[in-house]
Amino acid sequence: MSTESNDSRAPQTQKKILENPFVGSLVVPVAIVLFGALIIFGVTKMLSAERSYKDLVNEIQSRTFGNKWVAAYELSKQINSSQIPAEEYPWLIENLTTAYKESVDPRTRGFIIAAMGALKTELALPTLQLALQDQDTDVKFHAVVSLANEPKGITFDWASTIELLKSPEAILRQASTLALATHEVPAAREAIHPLLRDDSVVVRYAAATALIAYHDDAGKDLLVEILKMPYPPKEARVLPPALDVKQINDLKLSVLMTLAKYNWNVLNNTILEVANKDDNISVATKAKEVLNILKK
């Protein structure tokens, strides 16, 4: 019987973005690239032979091929490695949209949306808009990630993404905050403010970092808190919701690089303190670099 497999070894969407946080700047928020948002747990049931992207699309659409999510995952990898010519994008979008609408397996829908997002084409926007309304959290997350990767200046109705700022899922509040800030959506600015008081520390820090894009000082106190955050002893066992050394390090680097990107010098005194006193040499060095940029 041809059904989509429920193999428990499927790739799973990472639920704590801070596991791989805020890489680079808000241009790539929270490592919002295809595989920065995923952790692969023991995937051994991959396709045994090399497939073309058209073969993979056919397998996604097949009524007899079992693990459609595997084909969708392999397709997303091919797209992410720029193996598909741009002239094929319309064909891909049309067929993947049909496959998305017909798929009952949320993993398959999620990887289809991830694949479409990796194309970074406005042709995918109608389907990404549809995926924002999906019942599955992971599919919505892939849609938000995909939107964040779209080129700045796209014409898009951001209302559904702004609505996700009120989602009961912290992962969606965080990702939506950073995606909206990446595109500097004007209507999102005030909607982000309440998240500075969110129950989740991850969301609070995301909101403060996102507001840098708007030169909005409502999140300044949280940014100072991040930059001055002490590191736990290396031998200490850190339990959630506390952050470990790597998470704190990545948070500080993200704030510093985002301040430099948006040329916002309101925290120069704090950055100077970080440059002189931070225990992590990579953070202290980055603080010195950013301070030089902001003083120009």
C-alpha atoms as a PDB file:
ATOM      1  CA  MET A   1       0.000   0.000   0.000  1.00  0.00           C
ATOM      2  CA  SER A   2       1.403   3.431  -0.897  1.00  0.00           C
ATOM      3  CA  THR A   3       1.474   5.684   2.133  1.00  0.00           C
ATOM      4  CA  GLU A   4       3.943   8.295   3.225  1.00  0.00           C
ATOM      5  CA  SER A   5       6.284   6.726   5.767  1.00  0.00           C
ATOM      6  CA  ASN A   6       6.336   7.772   9.404  1.00  0.00           C
ATOM      7  CA  ASP A   7       9.970   6.747   9.864  1.00  0.00           C
ATOM      8  CA  SER A   8      11.025   8.038  13.288  1.00  0.00           C
ATOM      9  CA  ARG A   9      14.521   8.716  11.972  1.00  0.00           C
ATOM     10  CA  ALA A  10      13.345  11.717   9.959  1.00  0.00           C
ATOM     11  CA  PRO A  11      15.148  15.051  10.250  1.00  0.00           C
ATOM     12  CA  GLN A  12      13.545  17.176  12.941  1.00  0.00           C
ATOM     13  CA  THR A  13      13.202  20.943  13.048  1.00  0.00           C
ATOM     14  CA  GLN A  14      15.353  22.424  15.796  1.00  0.00           C
ATOM     15  CA  LYS A  15      13.132  23.762  18.559  1.00  0.00           C
ATOM     16  CA  LYS A  16      15.669  25.961  20.297  1.00  0.00           C
ATOM     17  CA  ILE A  17      17.138  28.344  17.783  1.00  0.00           C
ATOM     18  CA  LEU A  18      19.685  29.429  20.332  1.00  0.00           C
ATOM     19  CA  GLU A  19      21.329  26.043  19.805  1.00  0.00           C
ATOM     20  CA  ASN A  20      22.631  27.688  16.620  1.00  0.00           C
ATOM     21  CA  PRO A  21      21.831  31.342  17.253  1.00  0.00           C
ATOM     22  CA  PHE A  22      22.029  34.679  15.542  1.00  0.00           C
ATOM     23  CA  VAL A  23      24.792  33.841  13.096  1.00  0.00           C
ATOM     24  CA  GLY A  24      26.261  36.768  11.189  1.00  0.00           C
ATOM     25  CA  SER A  25      23.667  39.475  11.610  1.00  0.00           C
ATOM     26  CA  LEU A  26      19.988  40.087  11.062  1.00  0.00           C
ATOM     27  CA  VAL A  27      20.583  39.537   7.361  1.00  0.00           C
ATOM     28  CA  VAL A  28      20.848  35.856   8.248  1.00  0.00           C
ATOM     29  CA  PRO A  29      18.899  35.877  11.526  1.00  0.00           C
ATOM     30  CA  VAL A  30      19.380  32.947  13.830  1.00  0.00           C
ATOM     31  CA  ALA A  31      21.239  31.124  11.131  1.00  0.00           C
ATOM     32  CA  ILE A  32      18.145  31.402   9.015  1.00  0.00           C
ATOM     33  CA  VAL A  33      19.459  29.355   6.183  1.00  0.00           C
ATOM     34  CA  LEU A  34      18.082  26.008   5.219  1.00  0.00           C
ATOM     35  CA  PHE A  35      20.296  23.740   7.270  1.00  0.00           C
ATOM     36  CA  GLY A  36      21.026  26.195  10.056  1.00  0.00           C
ATOM     37  CA  ALA A  37      17.444  25.623  11.106  1.00  0.00           C
ATOM     38  CA  LEU A  38      17.649  21.822  11.143  1.00  0.00           C
ATOM     39  CA  ILE A  39      19.339  19.110  13.144  1.00  0.00           C
ATOM     40  CA  ILE A  40      19.614  15.728  11.506  1.00  0.00           C
ATOM     41  CA  PHE A  41      19.262  12.776  13.863  1.00  0.00           C
ATOM     42  CA  GLY A  42      20.718   9.574  12.407  1.00  0.00           C
ATOM     43  CA  VAL A  43      19.227   9.804   8.961  1.00  0.00           C
ATOM     44  CA  THR A  44      20.268   6.554   7.341  1.00  0.00           C
ATOM     45  CA  LYS A  45      17.355   5.994   5.024  1.00  0.00           C
ATOM     46  CA  MET A  46      18.614   8.325   2.314  1.00  0.00           C
ATOM     47  CA  LEU A  47      18.197   7.719  -1.365  1.00  0.00           C
ATOM     48  CA  SER A  48      20.717   5.117  -2.464  1.00  0.00           C
ATOM     49  CA  ALA A  49      21.333   6.479  -5.950  1.00  0.00           C
ATOM     50  CA  GLU A  50      21.990   9.933  -7.326  1.00  0.00           C
ATOM     51  CA  ARG A  51      18.777  11.588  -8.460  1.00  0.00           C
ATOM     52  CA  SER A  52      18.214  14.632 -10.642  1.00  0.00           C
ATOM     53  CA  TYR A  53      15.978  17.356  -9.260  1.00  0.00           C
ATOM     54  CA  LYS A  54      13.261  16.276 -11.696  1.00  0.00           C
ATOM     55  CA  ASP A  55      13.500  12.701 -10.456  1.00  0.00           C
ATOM     56  CA  LEU A  56      13.136  13.970  -6.905  1.00  0.00           C
ATOM     57  CA  VAL A  57      10.095  16.074  -7.757  1.00  0.00           C
ATOM     58  CA  ASN A  58       8.524  13.060  -9.450  1.00  0.00           C
ATOM     59  CA  GLU A  59       9.168  10.976  -6.344  1.00  0.00           C
ATOM     60  CA  ILE A  60       7.571  13.646  -4.156  1.00  0.00           C
ATOM     61  CA  GLN A  61       4.503  13.544  -6.389  1.00  0.00           C
ATOM     62  CA  SER A  62       4.474   9.754  -6.764  1.00  0.00           C
ATOM     63  CA  ARG A  63       1.572   7.706  -5.418  1.00  0.00           C
ATOM     64  CA  THR A  64       3.813   4.682  -4.905  1.00  0.00           C
ATOM     65  CA  PHE A  65       7.071   6.142  -3.546  1.00  0.00           C
ATOM     66  CA  GLY A  66       7.000   5.755   0.252  1.00  0.00           C
ATOM     67  CA  ASN A  67       9.352   8.218   1.971  1.00  0.00           C
ATOM     68  CA  LYS A  68       8.424  11.377   0.147  1.00  0.00           C
ATOM     69  CA  TRP A  69      10.030  13.498   2.851  1.00  0.00           C
ATOM     70  CA  VAL A  70      13.389  11.916   1.889  1.00  0.00           C
ATOM     71  CA  ALA A  71      13.007  13.068  -1.710  1.00  0.00           C
ATOM     72  CA  ALA A  72      11.959  16.540  -0.511  1.00  0.00           C
ATOM     73  CA  TYR A  73      14.959  16.680   1.803  1.00  0.00           C
ATOM     74  CA  GLU A  74      17.352  15.619  -0.970  1.00  0.00           C
ATOM     75  CA  LEU A  75      15.817  18.214  -3.275  1.00  0.00           C
ATOM     76  CA  SER A  76      16.324  20.938  -0.676  1.00  0.00           C
ATOM     77  CA  LYS A  77      20.009  19.972  -0.495  1.00  0.00           C
ATOM     78  CA  GLN A  78      20.386  20.154  -4.269  1.00  0.00           C
ATOM     79  CA  ILE A  79      18.751  23.573  -4.385  1.00  0.00           C
ATOM     80  CA  ASN A  80      20.810  24.841  -1.476  1.00  0.00           C
ATOM     81  CA  SER A  81      24.006  23.877  -3.299  1.00  0.00           C
ATOM     82  CA  SER A  82      22.931  25.834  -6.392  1.00  0.00           C
ATOM     83  CA  GLN A  83      22.672  22.810  -8.657  1.00  0.00           C
ATOM     84  CA  ILE A  84      19.483  23.903 -10.407  1.00  0.00           C
ATOM     85  CA  PRO A  85      19.374  26.501 -13.219  1.00  0.00           C
ATOM     86  CA  ALA A  86      17.175  29.546 -12.647  1.00  0.00           C
ATOM     87  CA  GLU A  87      15.192  28.911 -15.828  1.00  0.00           C
ATOM     88  CA  GLU A  88      13.811  25.778 -14.163  1.00  0.00           C
ATOM     89  CA  TYR A  89      12.414  27.693 -11.173  1.00  0.00           C
ATOM     90  CA  PRO A  90       8.895  28.223 -12.613  1.00  0.00           C
ATOM     91  CA  TRP A  91       8.554  24.493 -13.306  1.00  0.00           C
ATOM     92  CA  LEU A  92       9.832  23.661  -9.837  1.00  0.00           C
ATOM     93  CA  ILE A  93       7.537  26.128  -8.076  1.00  0.00           C
ATOM     94  CA  GLU A  94       4.466  24.920  -9.959  1.00  0.00           C
ATOM     95  CA  ASN A  95       5.138  21.251  -9.213  1.00  0.00           C
ATOM     96  CA  LEU A  96       6.230  21.741  -5.628  1.00  0.00           C
ATOM     97  CA  THR A  97       3.168  23.874  -4.921  1.00  0.00           C
ATOM     98  CA  THR A  98       0.952  21.064  -6.177  1.00  0.00           C
ATOM     99  CA  ALA A  99       2.893  18.549  -4.089  1.00  0.00           C
ATOM    100  CA  TYR A 100       2.614  20.758  -0.997  1.00  0.00           C
ATOM    101  CA  LYS A 101      -1.154  21.056  -1.342  1.00  0.00           C
ATOM    102  CA  GLU A 102      -1.575  17.311  -1.845  1.00  0.00           C
ATOM    103  CA  SER A 103       0.785  16.083   0.886  1.00  0.00           C
ATOM    104  CA  VAL A 104      -0.724  14.753   4.118  1.00  0.00           C
ATOM    105  CA  ASP A 105       2.651  14.264   5.819  1.00  0.00           C
ATOM    106  CA  PRO A 106       3.845  17.430   7.619  1.00  0.00           C
ATOM    107  CA  ARG A 107       7.512  16.427   7.237  1.00  0.00           C
ATOM    108  CA  THR A 108       7.102  16.284   3.483  1.00  0.00           C
ATOM    109  CA  ARG A 109       5.288  19.630   3.439  1.00  0.00           C
ATOM    110  CA  GLY A 110       8.019  21.129   5.611  1.00  0.00           C
ATOM    111  CA  PHE A 111      10.856  20.028   3.351  1.00  0.00           C
ATOM    112  CA  ILE A 112       8.924  21.132   0.273  1.00  0.00           C
ATOM    113  CA  ILE A 113       8.634  24.617   1.771  1.00  0.00           C
ATOM    114  CA  ALA A 114      12.319  24.518   2.749  1.00  0.00           C
ATOM    115  CA  ALA A 115      13.217  23.582  -0.820  1.00  0.00           C
ATOM    116  CA  MET A 116      11.088  26.375  -2.260  1.00  0.00           C
ATOM    117  CA  GLY A 117      12.607  28.855   0.160  1.00  0.00           C
ATOM    118  CA  ALA A 118      16.120  27.824  -0.815  1.00  0.00           C
ATOM    119  CA  LEU A 119      15.368  28.989  -4.359  1.00  0.00           C
ATOM    120  CA  LYS A 120      15.154  32.580  -3.035  1.00  0.00           C
ATOM    121  CA  THR A 121      12.667  33.547  -5.704  1.00  0.00           C
ATOM    122  CA  GLU A 122       9.543  35.673  -5.445  1.00  0.00           C
ATOM    123  CA  LEU A 123       7.756  32.994  -7.448  1.00  0.00           C
ATOM    124  CA  ALA A 124       7.546  31.013  -4.214  1.00  0.00           C
ATOM    125  CA  LEU A 125       5.858  33.772  -2.198  1.00  0.00           C
ATOM    126  CA  PRO A 126       2.225  32.692  -2.741  1.00  0.00           C
ATOM    127  CA  THR A 127       3.012  29.183  -1.501  1.00  0.00           C
ATOM    128  CA  LEU A 128       5.059  30.505   1.421  1.00  0.00           C
ATOM    129  CA  GLN A 129       2.078  32.672   2.334  1.00  0.00           C
ATOM    130  CA  LEU A 130      -0.103  29.568   2.273  1.00  0.00           C
ATOM    131  CA  ALA A 131       2.381  27.668   4.465  1.00  0.00           C
ATOM    132  CA  LEU A 132       2.180  30.350   7.148  1.00  0.00           C
ATOM    133  CA  GLN A 133      -1.374  29.085   7.732  1.00  0.00           C
ATOM    134  CA  ASP A 134      -0.358  25.410   7.914  1.00  0.00           C
ATOM    135  CA  GLN A 135      -1.553  23.488  10.964  1.00  0.00           C
ATOM    136  CA  ASP A 136       1.930  22.135  11.652  1.00  0.00           C
ATOM    137  CA  THR A 137       4.402  24.266  13.626  1.00  0.00           C
ATOM    138  CA  ASP A 138       7.442  22.973  11.750  1.00  0.00           C
ATOM    139  CA  VAL A 139       5.906  23.814   8.377  1.00  0.00           C
ATOM    140  CA  LYS A 140       5.149  27.345   9.579  1.00  0.00           C
ATOM    141  CA  PHE A 141       8.709  27.619  10.842  1.00  0.00           C
ATOM    142  CA  HIS A 142      10.118  26.573   7.457  1.00  0.00           C
ATOM    143  CA  ALA A 143       7.919  29.204   5.823  1.00  0.00           C
ATOM    144  CA  VAL A 144       9.211  31.944   8.131  1.00  0.00           C
ATOM    145  CA  VAL A 145      12.800  30.823   7.558  1.00  0.00           C
ATOM    146  CA  SER A 146      12.202  30.873   3.816  1.00  0.00           C
ATOM    147  CA  LEU A 147      10.748  34.376   3.950  1.00  0.00           C
ATOM    148  CA  ALA A 148      13.768  35.604   5.874  1.00  0.00           C
ATOM    149  CA  ASN A 149      15.990  34.305   3.089  1.00  0.00           C
ATOM    150  CA  GLU A 150      14.070  36.125   0.373  1.00  0.00           C
ATOM    151  CA  PRO A 151      15.799  39.187  -1.124  1.00  0.00           C
ATOM    152  CA  LYS A 152      15.075  42.458   0.640  1.00  0.00           C
ATOM    153  CA  GLY A 153      12.499  44.641  -1.067  1.00  0.00           C
ATOM    154  CA  ILE A 154      10.075  41.858  -1.943  1.00  0.00           C
ATOM    155  CA  THR A 155       6.395  42.705  -2.236  1.00  0.00           C
ATOM    156  CA  PHE A 156       4.661  40.586   0.368  1.00  0.00           C
ATOM    157  CA  ASP A 157       1.695  40.803   2.703  1.00  0.00           C
ATOM    158  CA  TRP A 158       3.413  40.494   6.085  1.00  0.00           C
ATOM    159  CA  ALA A 159       0.201  40.421   8.129  1.00  0.00           C
ATOM    160  CA  SER A 160       0.329  36.652   8.700  1.00  0.00           C
ATOM    161  CA  THR A 161       3.962  36.823   9.775  1.00  0.00           C
ATOM    162  CA  ILE A 162       3.214  39.664  12.176  1.00  0.00           C
ATOM    163  CA  GLU A 163       0.356  37.596  13.584  1.00  0.00           C
ATOM    164  CA  LEU A 164       2.855  34.824  14.382  1.00  0.00           C
ATOM    165  CA  LEU A 165       4.484  37.185  16.880  1.00  0.00           C
ATOM    166  CA  LYS A 166       1.544  36.187  19.104  1.00  0.00           C
ATOM    167  CA  SER A 167       1.986  32.458  18.493  1.00  0.00           C
ATOM    168  CA  PRO A 168       1.937  30.188  21.565  1.00  0.00           C
ATOM    169  CA  GLU A 169       5.107  28.600  20.143  1.00  0.00           C
ATOM    170  CA  ALA A 170       8.252  30.464  21.205  1.00  0.00           C
ATOM    171  CA  ILE A 171      10.117  29.159  18.145  1.00  0.00           C
ATOM    172  CA  LEU A 172       7.614  30.911  15.865  1.00  0.00           C
ATOM    173  CA  ARG A 173       7.664  34.150  17.873  1.00  0.00           C
ATOM    174  CA  GLN A 174      11.440  34.246  17.701  1.00  0.00           C
ATOM    175  CA  ALA A 175      11.800  33.325  14.044  1.00  0.00           C
ATOM    176  CA  SER A 176       9.045  35.712  12.946  1.00  0.00           C
ATOM    177  CA  THR A 177      10.603  38.555  14.939  1.00  0.00           C
ATOM    178  CA  LEU A 178      13.925  38.164  13.206  1.00  0.00           C
ATOM    179  CA  ALA A 179      12.463  37.561   9.745  1.00  0.00           C
ATOM    180  CA  LEU A 180      10.386  40.738   9.966  1.00  0.00           C
ATOM    181  CA  ALA A 181      13.375  42.729  11.178  1.00  0.00           C
ATOM    182  CA  THR A 182      15.536  41.309   8.403  1.00  0.00           C
ATOM    183  CA  HIS A 183      13.138  42.890   5.914  1.00  0.00           C
ATOM    184  CA  GLU A 184      12.684  45.962   8.151  1.00  0.00           C
ATOM    185  CA  VAL A 185       8.908  45.656   7.860  1.00  0.00           C
ATOM    186  CA  PRO A 186       7.629  48.994   9.246  1.00  0.00           C
ATOM    187  CA  ALA A 187       4.387  47.548  10.625  1.00  0.00           C
ATOM    188  CA  ALA A 188       6.331  45.005  12.686  1.00  0.00           C
ATOM    189  CA  ARG A 189       8.255  47.496  14.796  1.00  0.00           C
ATOM    190  CA  GLU A 190       5.569  48.248  17.372  1.00  0.00           C
ATOM    191  CA  ALA A 191       4.356  44.652  17.286  1.00  0.00           C
ATOM    192  CA  ILE A 192       7.808  43.486  18.398  1.00  0.00           C
ATOM    193  CA  HIS A 193       7.829  45.710  21.501  1.00  0.00           C
ATOM    194  CA  PRO A 194       5.669  43.406  23.694  1.00  0.00           C
ATOM    195  CA  LEU A 195       8.117  40.568  23.062  1.00  0.00           C
ATOM    196  CA  LEU A 196      10.723  42.448  25.077  1.00  0.00           C
ATOM    197  CA  ARG A 197       8.710  41.206  28.077  1.00  0.00           C
ATOM    198  CA  ASP A 198       8.089  37.709  26.718  1.00  0.00           C
ATOM    199  CA  ASP A 199       8.156  34.738  29.098  1.00  0.00           C
ATOM    200  CA  SER A 200      10.912  33.198  26.977  1.00  0.00           C
ATOM    201  CA  VAL A 201      14.361  34.719  27.420  1.00  0.00           C
ATOM    202  CA  VAL A 202      15.218  33.558  23.894  1.00  0.00           C
ATOM    203  CA  VAL A 203      12.328  35.566  22.468  1.00  0.00           C
ATOM    204  CA  ARG A 204      13.191  38.614  24.580  1.00  0.00           C
ATOM    205  CA  TYR A 205      16.751  38.619  23.294  1.00  0.00           C
ATOM    206  CA  ALA A 206      15.546  38.105  19.719  1.00  0.00           C
ATOM    207  CA  ALA A 207      13.211  41.094  20.046  1.00  0.00           C
ATOM    208  CA  ALA A 208      15.950  43.338  21.407  1.00  0.00           C
ATOM    209  CA  THR A 209      18.331  42.289  18.636  1.00  0.00           C
ATOM    210  CA  ALA A 210      15.635  42.721  15.993  1.00  0.00           C
ATOM    211  CA  LEU A 211      14.909  46.298  17.066  1.00  0.00           C
ATOM    212  CA  ILE A 212      18.480  47.273  16.188  1.00  0.00           C
ATOM    213  CA  ALA A 213      17.359  47.206  12.557  1.00  0.00           C
ATOM    214  CA  TYR A 214      14.894  50.000  13.377  1.00  0.00           C
ATOM    215  CA  HIS A 215      17.332  51.990  15.543  1.00  0.00           C
ATOM    216  CA  ASP A 216      14.714  51.544  18.262  1.00  0.00           C
ATOM    217  CA  ASP A 217      16.164  51.941  21.746  1.00  0.00           C
ATOM    218  CA  ALA A 218      13.315  50.108  23.502  1.00  0.00           C
ATOM    219  CA  GLY A 219      15.545  47.041  23.670  1.00  0.00           C
ATOM    220  CA  LYS A 220      18.731  48.810  24.816  1.00  0.00           C
ATOM    221  CA  ASP A 221      18.640  47.483  28.370  1.00  0.00           C
ATOM    222  CA  LEU A 222      18.355  43.907  27.115  1.00  0.00           C
ATOM    223  CA  LEU A 223      21.205  44.462  24.665  1.00  0.00           C
ATOM    224  CA  VAL A 224      23.403  45.706  27.507  1.00  0.00           C
ATOM    225  CA  GLU A 225      22.327  42.662  29.515  1.00  0.00           C
ATOM    226  CA  ILE A 226      23.453  40.397  26.683  1.00  0.00           C
ATOM    227  CA  LEU A 227      26.780  42.128  26.162  1.00  0.00           C
ATOM    228  CA  LYS A 228      27.618  42.087  29.882  1.00  0.00           C
ATOM    229  CA  MET A 229      26.300  38.583  30.535  1.00  0.00           C
ATOM    230  CA  PRO A 230      28.752  36.506  32.599  1.00  0.00           C
ATOM    231  CA  TYR A 231      29.814  33.087  31.389  1.00  0.00           C
ATOM    232  CA  PRO A 232      29.072  30.062  33.562  1.00  0.00           C
ATOM    233  CA  PRO A 233      32.092  28.074  34.769  1.00  0.00           C
ATOM    234  CA  LYS A 234      33.174  25.597  32.112  1.00  0.00           C
ATOM    235  CA  GLU A 235      32.674  22.663  34.423  1.00  0.00           C
ATOM    236  CA  ALA A 236      29.201  23.816  35.491  1.00  0.00           C
ATOM    237  CA  ARG A 237      26.176  21.883  34.280  1.00  0.00           C
ATOM    238  CA  VAL A 238      23.835  24.410  32.688  1.00  0.00           C
ATOM    239  CA  LEU A 239      20.159  23.556  32.791  1.00  0.00           C
ATOM    240  CA  PRO A 240      17.431  25.243  30.702  1.00  0.00           C
ATOM    241  CA  PRO A 241      16.447  28.025  30.542  1.00  0.00           C
ATOM    242  CA  ALA A 242      19.991  29.128  31.456  1.00  0.00           C
ATOM    243  CA  LEU A 243      22.362  29.671  28.553  1.00  0.00           C
ATOM    244  CA  ASP A 244      25.645  27.872  28.144  1.00  0.00           C
ATOM    245  CA  VAL A 245      28.989  29.411  27.213  1.00  0.00           C
ATOM    246  CA  LYS A 246      28.557  28.935  23.474  1.00  0.00           C
ATOM    247  CA  GLN A 247      25.051  30.385  23.441  1.00  0.00           C
ATOM    248  CA  ILE A 248      26.191  33.452  25.375  1.00  0.00           C
ATOM    249  CA  ASN A 249      29.205  33.853  23.105  1.00  0.00           C
ATOM    250  CA  ASP A 250      27.035  33.625  19.981  1.00  0.00           C
ATOM    251  CA  LEU A 251      24.486  36.051  21.393  1.00  0.00           C
ATOM    252  CA  LYS A 252      27.145  38.648  22.120  1.00  0.00           C
ATOM    253  CA  LEU A 253      28.708  38.269  18.678  1.00  0.00           C
ATOM    254  CA  SER A 254      25.311  38.585  17.035  1.00  0.00           C
ATOM    255  CA  VAL A 255      24.484  41.804  18.863  1.00  0.00           C
ATOM    256  CA  LEU A 256      27.884  43.273  18.052  1.00  0.00           C
ATOM    257  CA  MET A 257      27.691  42.420  14.357  1.00  0.00           C
ATOM    258  CA  THR A 258      24.109  43.629  14.084  1.00  0.00           C
ATOM    259  CA  LEU A 259      25.007  46.963  15.693  1.00  0.00           C
ATOM    260  CA  ALA A 260      27.825  47.319  13.156  1.00  0.00           C
ATOM    261  CA  LYS A 261      25.638  46.348  10.211  1.00  0.00           C
ATOM    262  CA  TYR A 262      22.999  48.917  11.040  1.00  0.00           C
ATOM    263  CA  ASN A 263      25.594  51.499  12.091  1.00  0.00           C
ATOM    264  CA  TRP A 264      23.962  52.154  15.460  1.00  0.00           C
ATOM    265  CA  ASN A 265      26.409  53.622  17.963  1.00  0.00           C
ATOM    266  CA  VAL A 266      24.202  54.090  21.026  1.00  0.00           C
ATOM    267  CA  LEU A 267      25.992  51.320  22.934  1.00  0.00           C
ATOM    268  CA  ASN A 268      29.570  52.385  22.243  1.00  0.00           C
ATOM    269  CA  ASN A 269      30.427  52.750  25.946  1.00  0.00           C
ATOM    270  CA  THR A 270      29.190  49.244  26.641  1.00  0.00           C
ATOM    271  CA  ILE A 271      31.042  47.891  23.616  1.00  0.00           C
ATOM    272  CA  LEU A 272      34.239  49.520  24.903  1.00  0.00           C
ATOM    273  CA  GLU A 273      33.742  47.789  28.239  1.00  0.00           C
ATOM    274  CA  VAL A 274      33.243  44.472  26.463  1.00  0.00           C
ATOM    275  CA  ALA A 275      36.386  45.040  24.397  1.00  0.00           C
ATOM    276  CA  ASN A 276      38.425  45.613  27.544  1.00  0.00           C
ATOM    277  CA  LYS A 277      36.883  43.136  29.963  1.00  0.00           C
ATOM    278  CA  ASP A 278      35.109  40.237  28.247  1.00  0.00           C
ATOM    279  CA  ASP A 279      36.571  36.875  29.200  1.00  0.00           C
ATOM    280  CA  ASN A 280      36.103  35.475  25.695  1.00  0.00           C
ATOM    281  CA  ILE A 281      38.844  36.638  23.356  1.00  0.00           C
ATOM    282  CA  SER A 282      36.665  36.268  20.231  1.00  0.00           C
ATOM    283  CA  VAL A 283      33.994  38.530  21.741  1.00  0.00           C
ATOM    284  CA  ALA A 284      36.530  41.078  22.991  1.00  0.00           C
ATOM    285  CA  THR A 285      38.230  41.166  19.589  1.00  0.00           C
ATOM    286  CA  LYS A 286      34.941  41.565  17.756  1.00  0.00           C
ATOM    287  CA  ALA A 287      33.954  44.371  20.134  1.00  0.00           C
ATOM    288  CA  LYS A 288      37.133  46.264  19.231  1.00  0.00           C
ATOM    289  CA  GLU A 289      36.451  45.788  15.516  1.00  0.00           C
ATOM    290  CA  VAL A 290      32.855  46.947  15.843  1.00  0.00           C
ATOM    291  CA  LEU A 291      33.832  49.949  17.918  1.00  0.00           C
ATOM    292  CA  ASN A 292      36.259  51.039  15.188  1.00  0.00           C
ATOM    293  CA  ILE A 293      33.492  50.712  12.604  1.00  0.00           C
ATOM    294  CA  LEU A 294      30.981  52.676  14.643  1.00  0.00           C
ATOM    295  CA  LYS A 295      33.425  55.492  15.375  1.00  0.00           C
ATOM    296  CA  LYS A 296      34.029  56.209  11.689  1.00  0.00           C
END
